[in-house]
Amino acid sequence: MLRALSSAVRPWRPFWARGCASDGEARGPEILVRALAGPDQGITEILMNRPQARNSLGNILVKELLETLARLREDRQVRVLLFRSSVKGVFCAGADLKEREQMSEMEVRAFVQRLRGLMNDIASSAVMGLIETTRGLLPGAGGTQRLPRCLGAALAKELIFTGRRLSGTQAQVLGLVNHAVAQNEEGDAAYHRARALAQEILPQAPIAVRLGKVAIDRGMEVDIASGMAIEDMCYAQNIPTRDRLEGMAAFREKRIPRFVGE
């Protein structure tokens, strides 16, 4: 399948020259990026590429991912991001506990703060388990705050206190993930479902999508009245855009809108 798609993508590339890898050995970049082309132009893929550690979150991987997200945030050509893994059968093994063991208390605190910032950036709910209590830890990258907001305090406590791992189907039933798909022979069924979803988002007005994300994310942290005020501010920012006028014109003329992100 990937061979058939190769004409529609650009090569994987890092954003910078690297030093050493997270495990101290000289290796390639741990984060790679490529932009899709053709009808999928506007979709950019981020590849987590630390196979020797099952994509566990070490210092270098987190640093490279934060820098990648910062640069992509400024790129107006990027409308949708897809996260992928180079490790077959594994997306991300969680924190790199071997590396963590070598850190001082101050280094651990600084690293967890960076990791929490990363989780705020990608806001991912596709976690199959918060198993930190089985390792003498507690979730430190925001899990104790996000999980209760997704599932309620009682169920969040049960999952965190037990360190229980969930299957994709169980996670979908609970509302932790939007979709659970049967695996295919190539092992990339989830990627193709994610890409299909990205293709649904791609043609929509990018400024409206971005402001909708801001309104939801910030509104979830406050009371409903404050959330309505946030939505009102986001709505006001969208009113003077060319895309809003294009959407109205396309509706009136019974045609597909052509949004440009302005």
Protein backbone atom coordinates (compact mmCIF):
# COMPACT_ATOMS: atom_id res chain seq x y z
CA MET A 1 0.00 0.00 0.00
CA LEU A 2 2.80 2.42 0.88
CA ARG A 3 4.44 1.69 -2.49
CA ALA A 4 1.27 2.81 -4.23
CA LEU A 5 1.29 6.03 -2.22
CA SER A 6 4.96 6.86 -2.78
CA SER A 7 4.30 9.24 -5.69
CA ALA A 8 2.09 11.37 -3.44
CA VAL A 9 4.63 11.97 -0.65
CA ARG A 10 7.99 13.63 -0.17
CA PRO A 11 10.91 11.85 1.56
CA TRP A 12 11.17 11.70 5.36
CA ARG A 13 13.46 14.41 6.70
CA PRO A 14 14.65 15.78 10.07
CA PHE A 15 14.36 19.48 10.85
CA TRP A 16 17.91 19.87 12.18
CA ALA A 17 21.41 18.44 12.48
CA ARG A 18 21.56 16.09 15.44
CA GLY A 19 23.94 15.29 18.23
CA CYS A 20 23.65 12.04 20.17
CA ALA A 21 20.60 9.83 20.56
CA SER A 22 18.64 9.38 23.77
CA ASP A 23 20.45 6.19 24.66
CA GLY A 24 23.88 7.76 24.16
CA GLU A 25 24.68 6.00 20.88
CA ALA A 26 25.13 7.81 17.58
CA ARG A 27 21.96 7.12 15.63
CA GLY A 28 19.71 8.83 13.14
CA PRO A 29 17.07 11.42 14.00
CA GLU A 30 14.38 10.25 16.40
CA ILE A 31 11.74 12.49 14.80
CA LEU A 32 11.24 12.65 11.04
CA VAL A 33 8.77 14.71 9.02
CA ARG A 34 7.29 14.50 5.55
CA ALA A 35 4.60 16.47 3.75
CA LEU A 36 2.12 14.67 1.54
CA ALA A 37 1.54 15.98 -1.96
CA GLY A 38 -1.14 15.85 -4.64
CA PRO A 39 -4.70 15.66 -3.28
CA ASP A 40 -3.30 15.21 0.25
CA GLN A 41 -1.24 18.42 0.17
CA GLY A 42 -1.66 20.09 3.55
CA ILE A 43 -1.27 16.83 5.51
CA THR A 44 2.10 16.45 7.25
CA GLU A 45 3.24 13.25 8.93
CA ILE A 46 5.50 13.05 12.00
CA LEU A 47 7.36 9.75 12.38
CA MET A 48 8.63 8.65 15.79
CA ASN A 49 11.83 6.80 14.95
CA ARG A 50 13.44 5.28 18.03
CA PRO A 51 13.06 1.55 17.37
CA GLN A 52 15.79 0.42 19.79
CA ALA A 53 13.70 1.80 22.67
CA ARG A 54 10.21 1.15 21.24
CA ASN A 55 9.71 4.92 20.83
CA SER A 56 9.89 5.50 24.56
CA LEU A 57 9.94 9.18 25.48
CA GLY A 58 13.55 10.09 26.13
CA ASN A 59 15.25 13.48 26.27
CA ILE A 60 16.23 13.62 22.60
CA LEU A 61 12.91 12.36 21.23
CA VAL A 62 10.94 14.86 23.34
CA LYS A 63 13.31 17.72 22.42
CA GLU A 64 13.10 16.96 18.71
CA LEU A 65 9.33 16.55 18.83
CA LEU A 66 8.83 19.87 20.65
CA GLU A 67 11.08 21.66 18.14
CA THR A 68 9.26 20.01 15.24
CA LEU A 69 5.86 21.07 16.54
CA ALA A 70 7.09 24.63 17.12
CA ARG A 71 8.28 24.91 13.51
CA LEU A 72 5.22 23.28 12.00
CA ARG A 73 2.97 25.59 13.99
CA GLU A 74 4.39 28.50 11.98
CA ASP A 75 3.96 26.76 8.62
CA ARG A 76 0.71 27.93 7.02
CA GLN A 77 0.88 25.09 4.49
CA VAL A 78 0.32 22.53 7.26
CA ARG A 79 -3.37 21.90 7.94
CA VAL A 80 -3.42 18.43 9.52
CA LEU A 81 -0.74 16.48 11.42
CA LEU A 82 -0.54 12.68 11.58
CA PHE A 83 1.66 10.94 14.13
CA ARG A 84 3.20 7.63 13.04
CA SER A 85 5.61 5.05 14.42
CA SER A 86 8.53 3.40 12.65
CA VAL A 87 8.28 0.46 15.08
CA LYS A 88 5.95 -2.27 13.89
CA GLY A 89 3.32 -3.14 16.49
CA VAL A 90 4.28 -0.26 18.81
CA PHE A 91 3.22 3.39 18.79
CA CYS A 92 4.96 4.65 21.93
CA ALA A 93 6.14 2.66 24.96
CA GLY A 94 5.71 5.63 27.32
CA ALA A 95 8.45 7.21 29.41
CA ASP A 96 12.03 5.94 29.06
CA LEU A 97 12.48 4.62 32.60
CA LYS A 98 16.05 3.46 31.97
CA GLU A 99 17.04 7.00 31.06
CA ARG A 100 14.93 8.43 33.88
CA GLU A 101 16.78 6.27 36.40
CA GLN A 102 20.03 8.07 35.56
CA MET A 103 18.57 11.56 36.13
CA SER A 104 18.85 13.65 39.26
CA GLU A 105 15.67 14.79 40.99
CA MET A 106 16.03 18.24 39.42
CA GLU A 107 16.53 16.72 35.96
CA VAL A 108 13.46 14.52 36.41
CA ARG A 109 11.37 17.52 37.41
CA ALA A 110 12.54 19.56 34.39
CA PHE A 111 12.00 16.64 32.00
CA VAL A 112 8.47 15.95 33.27
CA GLN A 113 7.60 19.63 32.83
CA ARG A 114 8.77 19.46 29.20
CA LEU A 115 6.84 16.22 28.72
CA ARG A 116 3.70 17.82 30.16
CA GLY A 117 4.11 20.69 27.69
CA LEU A 118 4.45 18.19 24.87
CA MET A 119 1.26 16.42 25.88
CA ASN A 120 -0.50 19.78 25.99
CA ASP A 121 0.63 20.38 22.41
CA ILE A 122 -0.56 17.08 20.94
CA ALA A 123 -3.48 16.58 23.35
CA SER A 124 -3.64 12.88 22.60
CA SER A 125 -6.24 10.64 24.24
CA ALA A 126 -5.05 7.49 22.43
CA VAL A 127 -3.33 6.07 25.51
CA MET A 128 -3.88 2.36 26.15
CA GLY A 129 -2.87 2.51 29.76
CA LEU A 130 -1.47 4.73 32.50
CA ILE A 131 0.73 2.11 34.14
CA GLU A 132 2.94 4.39 36.23
CA THR A 133 1.70 3.05 39.59
CA THR A 134 3.02 -0.39 38.61
CA ARG A 135 6.51 1.22 38.43
CA GLY A 136 6.34 3.17 41.67
CA LEU A 137 5.33 6.39 39.90
CA LEU A 138 2.21 8.39 39.16
CA PRO A 139 1.28 9.93 35.80
CA GLY A 140 3.30 13.14 35.51
CA ALA A 141 2.62 14.33 31.97
CA GLY A 142 -0.98 15.38 32.64
CA GLY A 143 -2.68 11.99 32.90
CA THR A 144 -4.14 12.67 36.36
CA GLN A 145 -5.88 15.75 34.92
CA ARG A 146 -6.89 14.66 31.41
CA LEU A 147 -8.22 11.20 32.25
CA PRO A 148 -10.82 12.45 34.81
CA ARG A 149 -11.96 15.05 32.29
CA CYS A 150 -12.48 12.29 29.72
CA LEU A 151 -13.98 9.57 31.91
CA GLY A 152 -14.93 11.11 35.25
CA ALA A 153 -12.98 10.92 38.50
CA ALA A 154 -14.16 7.47 39.66
CA LEU A 155 -13.17 5.55 36.51
CA ALA A 156 -9.96 7.56 36.12
CA LYS A 157 -8.95 6.59 39.66
CA GLU A 158 -9.68 2.93 38.95
CA LEU A 159 -7.52 2.90 35.81
CA ILE A 160 -4.65 4.86 37.38
CA PHE A 161 -4.68 3.02 40.72
CA THR A 162 -4.66 -0.40 39.03
CA GLY A 163 -2.34 0.51 36.15
CA ARG A 164 -4.69 -1.43 33.90
CA ARG A 165 -3.96 -1.71 30.19
CA LEU A 166 -6.87 -1.38 27.77
CA SER A 167 -7.38 -2.91 24.35
CA GLY A 168 -8.31 -0.64 21.46
CA THR A 169 -11.92 -1.83 21.63
CA GLN A 170 -12.12 -1.22 25.38
CA ALA A 171 -10.62 2.25 24.94
CA GLN A 172 -13.18 3.06 22.25
CA VAL A 173 -16.09 1.87 24.40
CA LEU A 174 -14.89 4.11 27.24
CA GLY A 175 -14.45 7.07 24.90
CA LEU A 176 -10.65 7.27 25.19
CA VAL A 177 -10.20 6.85 21.42
CA ASN A 178 -12.52 7.77 18.57
CA HIS A 179 -11.90 4.71 16.41
CA ALA A 180 -10.72 1.12 16.78
CA VAL A 181 -9.92 -0.76 13.57
CA ALA A 182 -9.07 -4.38 12.81
CA GLN A 183 -5.39 -4.81 11.97
CA ASN A 184 -4.41 -5.61 8.37
CA GLU A 185 -1.56 -7.76 7.05
CA GLU A 186 0.73 -4.76 6.64
CA GLY A 187 0.17 -3.66 10.24
CA ASP A 188 -0.86 -0.12 9.29
CA ALA A 189 -4.67 -0.20 9.55
CA ALA A 190 -4.72 2.58 12.15
CA TYR A 191 -2.59 4.78 9.91
CA HIS A 192 -4.98 4.41 6.99
CA ARG A 193 -7.97 5.20 9.24
CA ALA A 194 -6.15 8.27 10.56
CA ARG A 195 -5.24 9.36 7.03
CA ALA A 196 -8.86 8.99 5.91
CA LEU A 197 -9.90 11.22 8.82
CA ALA A 198 -7.20 13.75 7.88
CA GLN A 199 -8.57 13.79 4.34
CA GLU A 200 -12.00 14.71 5.77
CA ILE A 201 -10.53 17.61 7.74
CA LEU A 202 -8.23 18.85 4.98
CA PRO A 203 -10.80 20.65 2.76
CA GLN A 204 -12.41 22.53 5.65
CA ALA A 205 -11.60 26.19 6.42
CA PRO A 206 -8.23 26.07 8.25
CA ILE A 207 -8.73 29.20 10.35
CA ALA A 208 -12.16 28.02 11.48
CA VAL A 209 -10.74 24.59 12.35
CA ARG A 210 -7.87 26.15 14.32
CA LEU A 211 -10.13 28.53 16.23
CA GLY A 212 -12.59 25.71 16.89
CA LYS A 213 -9.74 23.74 18.45
CA VAL A 214 -8.78 26.70 20.62
CA ALA A 215 -12.37 27.21 21.76
CA ILE A 216 -12.78 23.54 22.69
CA ASP A 217 -9.41 23.12 24.42
CA ARG A 218 -9.61 26.31 26.45
CA GLY A 219 -13.32 26.03 27.09
CA MET A 220 -12.91 22.57 28.64
CA GLU A 221 -10.78 24.07 31.41
CA VAL A 222 -13.34 26.64 32.62
CA ASP A 223 -17.02 26.92 33.55
CA ILE A 224 -19.68 27.02 30.81
CA ALA A 225 -20.17 30.79 30.97
CA SER A 226 -16.44 31.43 30.56
CA GLY A 227 -16.37 28.82 27.80
CA MET A 228 -19.10 30.69 25.93
CA ALA A 229 -17.03 33.87 26.21
CA ILE A 230 -14.01 32.04 24.75
CA GLU A 231 -16.16 30.77 21.88
CA ASP A 232 -17.44 34.31 21.26
CA MET A 233 -13.88 35.65 21.05
CA CYS A 234 -12.88 32.90 18.62
CA TYR A 235 -15.98 33.49 16.53
CA ALA A 236 -15.21 37.21 16.34
CA GLN A 237 -11.69 36.45 15.06
CA ASN A 238 -13.16 34.33 12.27
CA ILE A 239 -15.71 36.91 11.04
CA PRO A 240 -13.30 39.10 8.99
CA THR A 241 -11.64 36.15 7.21
CA ARG A 242 -11.82 35.63 3.46
CA ASP A 243 -12.66 31.99 4.11
CA ARG A 244 -15.89 32.92 5.89
CA LEU A 245 -16.98 35.03 2.92
CA GLU A 246 -15.98 32.23 0.53
CA GLY A 247 -18.05 29.75 2.53
CA MET A 248 -21.12 31.97 2.35
CA ALA A 249 -20.63 32.58 -1.38
CA ALA A 250 -20.17 28.87 -2.09
CA PHE A 251 -23.37 28.04 -0.19
CA ARG A 252 -25.29 30.69 -2.14
CA GLU A 253 -23.87 29.54 -5.48
CA LYS A 254 -24.31 25.83 -4.68
CA ARG A 255 -20.62 24.94 -5.24
CA ILE A 256 -17.74 23.51 -3.24
CA PRO A 257 -15.88 26.25 -1.31
CA ARG A 258 -12.19 26.91 -1.99
CA PHE A 259 -10.64 27.89 1.33
CA VAL A 260 -7.19 29.51 1.36
CA GLY A 261 -6.55 30.03 5.07
CA GLU A 262 -6.94 33.82 5.04
